[in-house]
Amino acid sequence: MSNRASLVKQAEGHGAAEWLRERVSSLVLVVFTAWALWAAYSVAGQPFDAVVAWLSSPLNAGVLLAALIISLWHMHMGMVVIIEDYLQGAARKACIRLSLAFCLALGAAALICTFMLATGAGPATPGA
């Protein structure tokens, strides 16, 4: 069996599930983007305290975090597709792991910052 044929055989069986996950996350992100546009419009021009009060709502904080997490997951899936298309061997595995680490770090930072703003913990006041 040629090298090309073995690559094709290796890819069988997992492409459809990845394709479906990418499409589902895209559809979910359409809804979250509409919510984000509405949220940005509703807090635009408001003072900092009003924005923090808006974010203190568990619903708003939860939807914001869900949108961020799904966006990061979607970004990682897209990066994996690009990495798999252009890299081989150890470089491919290393870049996929770096992409995952980057997305996890961004997700952790988003979680911490959202929690701090929503609960009023930490130095979240302007000029402090």
N, C-alpha and C. Protein backbone atom coordinates (compact mmCIF):
# COMPACT_ATOMS: atom_id res chain seq x y z
N MET A 1 0.85 -1.17 0.00
CA MET A 1 0.00 0.00 0.00
C MET A 1 0.90 1.24 0.00
N SER A 2 0.58 2.18 -0.83
CA SER A 2 1.41 3.39 -0.91
C SER A 2 1.18 4.27 0.31
N ASN A 3 2.09 5.20 0.52
CA ASN A 3 1.99 6.12 1.65
C ASN A 3 0.71 6.96 1.56
N ARG A 4 0.36 7.37 0.37
CA ARG A 4 -0.85 8.17 0.18
C ARG A 4 -2.10 7.36 0.53
N ALA A 5 -2.13 6.12 0.12
CA ALA A 5 -3.29 5.28 0.43
C ALA A 5 -3.40 5.03 1.93
N SER A 6 -2.29 4.90 2.63
CA SER A 6 -2.36 4.67 4.07
C SER A 6 -2.85 5.91 4.80
N LEU A 7 -2.53 7.10 4.28
CA LEU A 7 -3.03 8.33 4.88
C LEU A 7 -4.54 8.43 4.72
N VAL A 8 -5.04 8.05 3.56
CA VAL A 8 -6.47 8.08 3.32
C VAL A 8 -7.17 7.08 4.24
N LYS A 9 -6.63 5.88 4.34
CA LYS A 9 -7.22 4.86 5.19
C LYS A 9 -7.22 5.30 6.66
N GLN A 10 -6.15 5.99 7.07
CA GLN A 10 -6.04 6.45 8.45
C GLN A 10 -7.11 7.49 8.77
N ALA A 11 -7.49 8.29 7.81
CA ALA A 11 -8.45 9.37 8.04
C ALA A 11 -9.89 8.89 8.06
N GLU A 12 -10.15 7.69 7.60
CA GLU A 12 -11.53 7.21 7.54
C GLU A 12 -12.11 7.08 8.94
N GLY A 13 -13.36 7.46 9.06
CA GLY A 13 -14.08 7.20 10.29
C GLY A 13 -14.14 8.34 11.29
N HIS A 14 -13.25 9.31 11.24
CA HIS A 14 -13.32 10.37 12.23
C HIS A 14 -13.63 11.73 11.62
N GLY A 15 -13.60 11.85 10.34
CA GLY A 15 -13.85 13.13 9.69
C GLY A 15 -15.28 13.61 9.81
N ALA A 16 -16.24 12.70 9.74
CA ALA A 16 -17.64 13.10 9.80
C ALA A 16 -18.00 13.68 11.17
N ALA A 17 -17.48 13.08 12.22
CA ALA A 17 -17.78 13.58 13.57
C ALA A 17 -17.17 14.96 13.78
N GLU A 18 -15.95 15.16 13.30
CA GLU A 18 -15.31 16.47 13.42
C GLU A 18 -16.08 17.51 12.61
N TRP A 19 -16.48 17.15 11.41
CA TRP A 19 -17.26 18.06 10.56
C TRP A 19 -18.54 18.47 11.27
N LEU A 20 -19.23 17.50 11.87
CA LEU A 20 -20.48 17.78 12.56
C LEU A 20 -20.26 18.69 13.77
N ARG A 21 -19.21 18.45 14.54
CA ARG A 21 -18.91 19.30 15.70
C ARG A 21 -18.62 20.74 15.26
N GLU A 22 -17.90 20.89 14.16
CA GLU A 22 -17.61 22.23 13.66
C GLU A 22 -18.89 22.95 13.25
N ARG A 23 -19.79 22.24 12.59
CA ARG A 23 -21.03 22.86 12.13
C ARG A 23 -21.95 23.20 13.30
N VAL A 24 -22.03 22.31 14.28
CA VAL A 24 -22.89 22.57 15.44
C VAL A 24 -22.36 23.76 16.22
N SER A 25 -21.04 23.81 16.43
CA SER A 25 -20.49 24.96 17.17
C SER A 25 -20.70 26.26 16.39
N SER A 26 -20.64 26.19 15.06
CA SER A 26 -20.90 27.38 14.25
C SER A 26 -22.34 27.87 14.43
N LEU A 27 -23.28 26.95 14.42
CA LEU A 27 -24.68 27.34 14.60
C LEU A 27 -24.93 27.92 15.99
N VAL A 28 -24.33 27.32 16.99
CA VAL A 28 -24.48 27.83 18.36
C VAL A 28 -23.87 29.23 18.45
N LEU A 29 -22.73 29.42 17.79
CA LEU A 29 -22.08 30.73 17.83
C LEU A 29 -22.89 31.81 17.12
N VAL A 30 -23.71 31.44 16.16
CA VAL A 30 -24.59 32.43 15.52
C VAL A 30 -25.55 32.99 16.56
N VAL A 31 -26.12 32.13 17.39
CA VAL A 31 -27.03 32.57 18.44
C VAL A 31 -26.29 33.43 19.46
N PHE A 32 -25.11 32.97 19.88
CA PHE A 32 -24.34 33.73 20.86
C PHE A 32 -23.87 35.07 20.30
N THR A 33 -23.59 35.13 19.02
CA THR A 33 -23.18 36.40 18.41
C THR A 33 -24.35 37.39 18.43
N ALA A 34 -25.54 36.91 18.13
CA ALA A 34 -26.71 37.79 18.21
C ALA A 34 -26.89 38.30 19.64
N TRP A 35 -26.73 37.42 20.62
CA TRP A 35 -26.84 37.83 22.02
C TRP A 35 -25.75 38.85 22.35
N ALA A 36 -24.51 38.60 21.90
CA ALA A 36 -23.40 39.50 22.19
C ALA A 36 -23.63 40.88 21.59
N LEU A 37 -24.18 40.94 20.38
CA LEU A 37 -24.49 42.23 19.77
C LEU A 37 -25.54 42.98 20.59
N TRP A 38 -26.58 42.26 21.01
CA TRP A 38 -27.60 42.88 21.85
C TRP A 38 -27.00 43.35 23.17
N ALA A 39 -26.15 42.51 23.78
CA ALA A 39 -25.53 42.86 25.07
C ALA A 39 -24.63 44.08 24.93
N ALA A 40 -23.84 44.12 23.88
CA ALA A 40 -22.95 45.26 23.66
C ALA A 40 -23.76 46.54 23.45
N TYR A 41 -24.85 46.43 22.71
CA TYR A 41 -25.70 47.60 22.48
C TYR A 41 -26.34 48.07 23.78
N SER A 42 -26.75 47.12 24.63
CA SER A 42 -27.45 47.50 25.85
C SER A 42 -26.54 48.13 26.89
N VAL A 43 -25.24 47.83 26.87
CA VAL A 43 -24.33 48.43 27.86
C VAL A 43 -23.46 49.53 27.27
N ALA A 44 -23.58 49.78 25.97
CA ALA A 44 -22.77 50.82 25.34
C ALA A 44 -23.10 52.18 25.94
N GLY A 45 -22.07 52.91 26.30
CA GLY A 45 -22.24 54.24 26.85
C GLY A 45 -22.61 54.27 28.32
N GLN A 46 -22.79 53.13 28.93
CA GLN A 46 -23.13 53.06 30.34
C GLN A 46 -21.87 53.25 31.18
N PRO A 47 -22.01 53.78 32.39
CA PRO A 47 -20.84 53.89 33.27
C PRO A 47 -20.36 52.49 33.70
N PHE A 48 -19.13 52.44 34.16
CA PHE A 48 -18.51 51.17 34.54
C PHE A 48 -19.35 50.40 35.55
N ASP A 49 -19.89 51.10 36.55
CA ASP A 49 -20.68 50.43 37.58
C ASP A 49 -21.94 49.78 37.01
N ALA A 50 -22.53 50.39 36.01
CA ALA A 50 -23.72 49.80 35.38
C ALA A 50 -23.36 48.54 34.60
N VAL A 51 -22.19 48.56 33.96
CA VAL A 51 -21.75 47.38 33.21
C VAL A 51 -21.44 46.24 34.18
N VAL A 52 -20.80 46.55 35.30
CA VAL A 52 -20.52 45.52 36.31
C VAL A 52 -21.83 44.99 36.89
N ALA A 53 -22.80 45.86 37.12
CA ALA A 53 -24.11 45.41 37.61
C ALA A 53 -24.78 44.50 36.59
N TRP A 54 -24.66 44.85 35.31
CA TRP A 54 -25.24 44.00 34.26
C TRP A 54 -24.56 42.64 34.26
N LEU A 55 -23.24 42.63 34.40
CA LEU A 55 -22.49 41.37 34.40
C LEU A 55 -22.70 40.58 35.67
N SER A 56 -23.16 41.23 36.73
CA SER A 56 -23.41 40.54 38.00
C SER A 56 -24.61 39.61 37.93
N SER A 57 -25.42 39.77 36.92
CA SER A 57 -26.55 38.85 36.73
C SER A 57 -25.99 37.48 36.35
N PRO A 58 -26.38 36.43 37.08
CA PRO A 58 -25.88 35.10 36.75
C PRO A 58 -26.19 34.67 35.31
N LEU A 59 -27.33 35.10 34.80
CA LEU A 59 -27.69 34.75 33.43
C LEU A 59 -26.71 35.39 32.44
N ASN A 60 -26.45 36.69 32.60
CA ASN A 60 -25.53 37.37 31.69
C ASN A 60 -24.11 36.82 31.80
N ALA A 61 -23.64 36.62 33.01
CA ALA A 61 -22.29 36.08 33.20
C ALA A 61 -22.20 34.66 32.62
N GLY A 62 -23.22 33.86 32.84
CA GLY A 62 -23.22 32.49 32.33
C GLY A 62 -23.24 32.42 30.81
N VAL A 63 -24.07 33.25 30.20
CA VAL A 63 -24.14 33.25 28.74
C VAL A 63 -22.83 33.77 28.15
N LEU A 64 -22.27 34.79 28.78
CA LEU A 64 -20.97 35.31 28.32
C LEU A 64 -19.90 34.23 28.39
N LEU A 65 -19.83 33.52 29.50
CA LEU A 65 -18.84 32.45 29.63
C LEU A 65 -19.09 31.32 28.64
N ALA A 66 -20.34 30.95 28.45
CA ALA A 66 -20.65 29.90 27.48
C ALA A 66 -20.23 30.32 26.07
N ALA A 67 -20.49 31.57 25.73
CA ALA A 67 -20.09 32.06 24.41
C ALA A 67 -18.57 32.05 24.26
N LEU A 68 -17.86 32.46 25.29
CA LEU A 68 -16.40 32.45 25.24
C LEU A 68 -15.85 31.04 25.13
N ILE A 69 -16.39 30.12 25.90
CA ILE A 69 -15.90 28.73 25.89
C ILE A 69 -16.17 28.08 24.53
N ILE A 70 -17.36 28.26 24.00
CA ILE A 70 -17.66 27.66 22.70
C ILE A 70 -16.84 28.32 21.60
N SER A 71 -16.60 29.62 21.71
CA SER A 71 -15.74 30.30 20.73
C SER A 71 -14.32 29.74 20.76
N LEU A 72 -13.79 29.53 21.95
CA LEU A 72 -12.45 28.98 22.06
C LEU A 72 -12.38 27.54 21.56
N TRP A 73 -13.42 26.76 21.85
CA TRP A 73 -13.47 25.38 21.35
C TRP A 73 -13.52 25.38 19.83
N HIS A 74 -14.33 26.25 19.26
CA HIS A 74 -14.45 26.36 17.81
C HIS A 74 -13.12 26.80 17.20
N MET A 75 -12.46 27.76 17.85
CA MET A 75 -11.16 28.21 17.36
C MET A 75 -10.14 27.07 17.37
N HIS A 76 -10.13 26.29 18.45
CA HIS A 76 -9.19 25.17 18.53
C HIS A 76 -9.47 24.14 17.43
N MET A 77 -10.74 23.84 17.20
CA MET A 77 -11.06 22.88 16.13
C MET A 77 -10.58 23.40 14.78
N GLY A 78 -10.75 24.67 14.51
CA GLY A 78 -10.27 25.24 13.25
C GLY A 78 -8.76 25.21 13.15
N MET A 79 -8.09 25.51 14.25
CA MET A 79 -6.62 25.46 14.25
C MET A 79 -6.12 24.04 14.01
N VAL A 80 -6.79 23.06 14.58
CA VAL A 80 -6.39 21.66 14.36
C VAL A 80 -6.51 21.30 12.89
N VAL A 81 -7.57 21.74 12.23
CA VAL A 81 -7.74 21.45 10.80
C VAL A 81 -6.58 22.07 10.01
N ILE A 82 -6.24 23.31 10.31
CA ILE A 82 -5.15 23.98 9.60
C ILE A 82 -3.82 23.28 9.87
N ILE A 83 -3.58 22.96 11.13
CA ILE A 83 -2.33 22.29 11.50
C ILE A 83 -2.22 20.93 10.82
N GLU A 84 -3.31 20.17 10.82
CA GLU A 84 -3.28 18.85 10.18
C GLU A 84 -3.06 18.95 8.67
N ASP A 85 -3.54 20.03 8.07
CA ASP A 85 -3.36 20.20 6.63
C ASP A 85 -1.91 20.52 6.25
N TYR A 86 -1.20 21.23 7.12
CA TYR A 86 0.11 21.76 6.71
C TYR A 86 1.31 21.18 7.45
N LEU A 87 1.11 20.48 8.54
CA LEU A 87 2.24 19.94 9.30
C LEU A 87 2.17 18.42 9.40
N GLN A 88 3.33 17.81 9.60
CA GLN A 88 3.42 16.35 9.72
C GLN A 88 4.23 15.99 10.97
N GLY A 89 4.06 14.77 11.43
CA GLY A 89 4.89 14.21 12.48
C GLY A 89 4.83 14.93 13.81
N ALA A 90 6.01 15.09 14.41
CA ALA A 90 6.12 15.67 15.75
C ALA A 90 5.70 17.14 15.77
N ALA A 91 5.96 17.87 14.69
CA ALA A 91 5.57 19.28 14.64
C ALA A 91 4.05 19.40 14.70
N ARG A 92 3.36 18.50 14.04
CA ARG A 92 1.88 18.52 14.07
C ARG A 92 1.37 18.32 15.49
N LYS A 93 1.88 17.30 16.16
CA LYS A 93 1.43 17.01 17.52
C LYS A 93 1.75 18.17 18.47
N ALA A 94 2.95 18.74 18.33
CA ALA A 94 3.35 19.84 19.20
C ALA A 94 2.46 21.06 18.98
N CYS A 95 2.17 21.38 17.75
CA CYS A 95 1.33 22.55 17.45
C CYS A 95 -0.11 22.35 17.91
N ILE A 96 -0.62 21.14 17.79
CA ILE A 96 -1.97 20.87 18.27
C ILE A 96 -2.02 21.03 19.79
N ARG A 97 -0.99 20.54 20.47
CA ARG A 97 -0.93 20.69 21.93
C ARG A 97 -0.79 22.16 22.33
N LEU A 98 0.01 22.92 21.57
CA LEU A 98 0.15 24.36 21.85
C LEU A 98 -1.17 25.09 21.64
N SER A 99 -1.89 24.72 20.60
CA SER A 99 -3.19 25.33 20.34
C SER A 99 -4.15 25.04 21.49
N LEU A 100 -4.16 23.80 21.94
CA LEU A 100 -5.03 23.43 23.05
C LEU A 100 -4.63 24.19 24.32
N ALA A 101 -3.33 24.27 24.59
CA ALA A 101 -2.86 24.98 25.79
C ALA A 101 -3.24 26.46 25.71
N PHE A 102 -3.09 27.06 24.53
CA PHE A 102 -3.44 28.47 24.35
C PHE A 102 -4.93 28.69 24.60
N CYS A 103 -5.77 27.83 24.04
CA CYS A 103 -7.22 27.97 24.23
C CYS A 103 -7.62 27.75 25.68
N LEU A 104 -6.99 26.78 26.34
CA LEU A 104 -7.28 26.55 27.76
C LEU A 104 -6.84 27.73 28.62
N ALA A 105 -5.69 28.32 28.30
CA ALA A 105 -5.22 29.49 29.05
C ALA A 105 -6.17 30.68 28.86
N LEU A 106 -6.60 30.90 27.62
CA LEU A 106 -7.56 31.99 27.37
C LEU A 106 -8.88 31.72 28.10
N GLY A 107 -9.33 30.48 28.08
CA GLY A 107 -10.56 30.12 28.78
C GLY A 107 -10.45 30.33 30.27
N ALA A 108 -9.31 29.95 30.85
CA ALA A 108 -9.10 30.16 32.29
C ALA A 108 -9.08 31.65 32.62
N ALA A 109 -8.39 32.42 31.79
CA ALA A 109 -8.35 33.87 32.02
C ALA A 109 -9.74 34.49 31.91
N ALA A 110 -10.51 34.05 30.93
CA ALA A 110 -11.88 34.56 30.77
C ALA A 110 -12.74 34.19 31.96
N LEU A 111 -12.61 32.98 32.44
CA LEU A 111 -13.37 32.53 33.59
C LEU A 111 -13.02 33.35 34.83
N ILE A 112 -11.74 33.54 35.07
CA ILE A 112 -11.30 34.30 36.24
C ILE A 112 -11.76 35.76 36.15
N CYS A 113 -11.55 36.38 35.00
CA CYS A 113 -11.93 37.79 34.85
C CYS A 113 -13.44 37.99 34.95
N THR A 114 -14.20 37.12 34.34
CA THR A 114 -15.66 37.23 34.42
C THR A 114 -16.13 37.05 35.85
N PHE A 115 -15.55 36.06 36.53
CA PHE A 115 -15.92 35.83 37.93
C PHE A 115 -15.58 37.04 38.79
N MET A 116 -14.38 37.62 38.57
CA MET A 116 -13.98 38.78 39.36
C MET A 116 -14.90 39.97 39.11
N LEU A 117 -15.25 40.21 37.85
CA LEU A 117 -16.14 41.33 37.55
C LEU A 117 -17.55 41.07 38.06
N ALA A 118 -18.04 39.85 37.90
CA ALA A 118 -19.42 39.54 38.29
C ALA A 118 -19.60 39.58 39.80
N THR A 119 -18.57 39.24 40.56
CA THR A 119 -18.70 39.21 42.01
C THR A 119 -18.16 40.46 42.67
N GLY A 120 -17.52 41.33 41.91
CA GLY A 120 -16.94 42.55 42.48
C GLY A 120 -15.63 42.29 43.21
N ALA A 121 -15.06 41.12 43.04
CA ALA A 121 -13.80 40.79 43.70
C ALA A 121 -12.63 41.42 42.94
N GLY A 122 -11.62 41.81 43.65
CA GLY A 122 -10.41 42.30 43.02
C GLY A 122 -10.50 43.75 42.60
N PRO A 123 -9.39 44.27 42.09
CA PRO A 123 -9.33 45.69 41.67
C PRO A 123 -9.95 45.88 40.30
N ALA A 124 -11.28 45.89 40.24
CA ALA A 124 -11.96 46.02 38.95
C ALA A 124 -12.55 47.40 38.74
N THR A 125 -12.12 48.38 39.52
CA THR A 125 -12.66 49.72 39.34
C THR A 125 -11.68 50.55 38.52
N PRO A 126 -12.18 51.40 37.64
CA PRO A 126 -11.29 52.21 36.83
C PRO A 126 -10.48 53.18 37.70
N GLY A 127 -9.22 53.32 37.37
CA GLY A 127 -8.36 54.24 38.08
C GLY A 127 -7.78 53.68 39.37
N ALA A 128 -8.11 52.45 39.70
CA ALA A 128 -7.60 51.86 40.95
C ALA A 128 -6.23 51.26 40.76
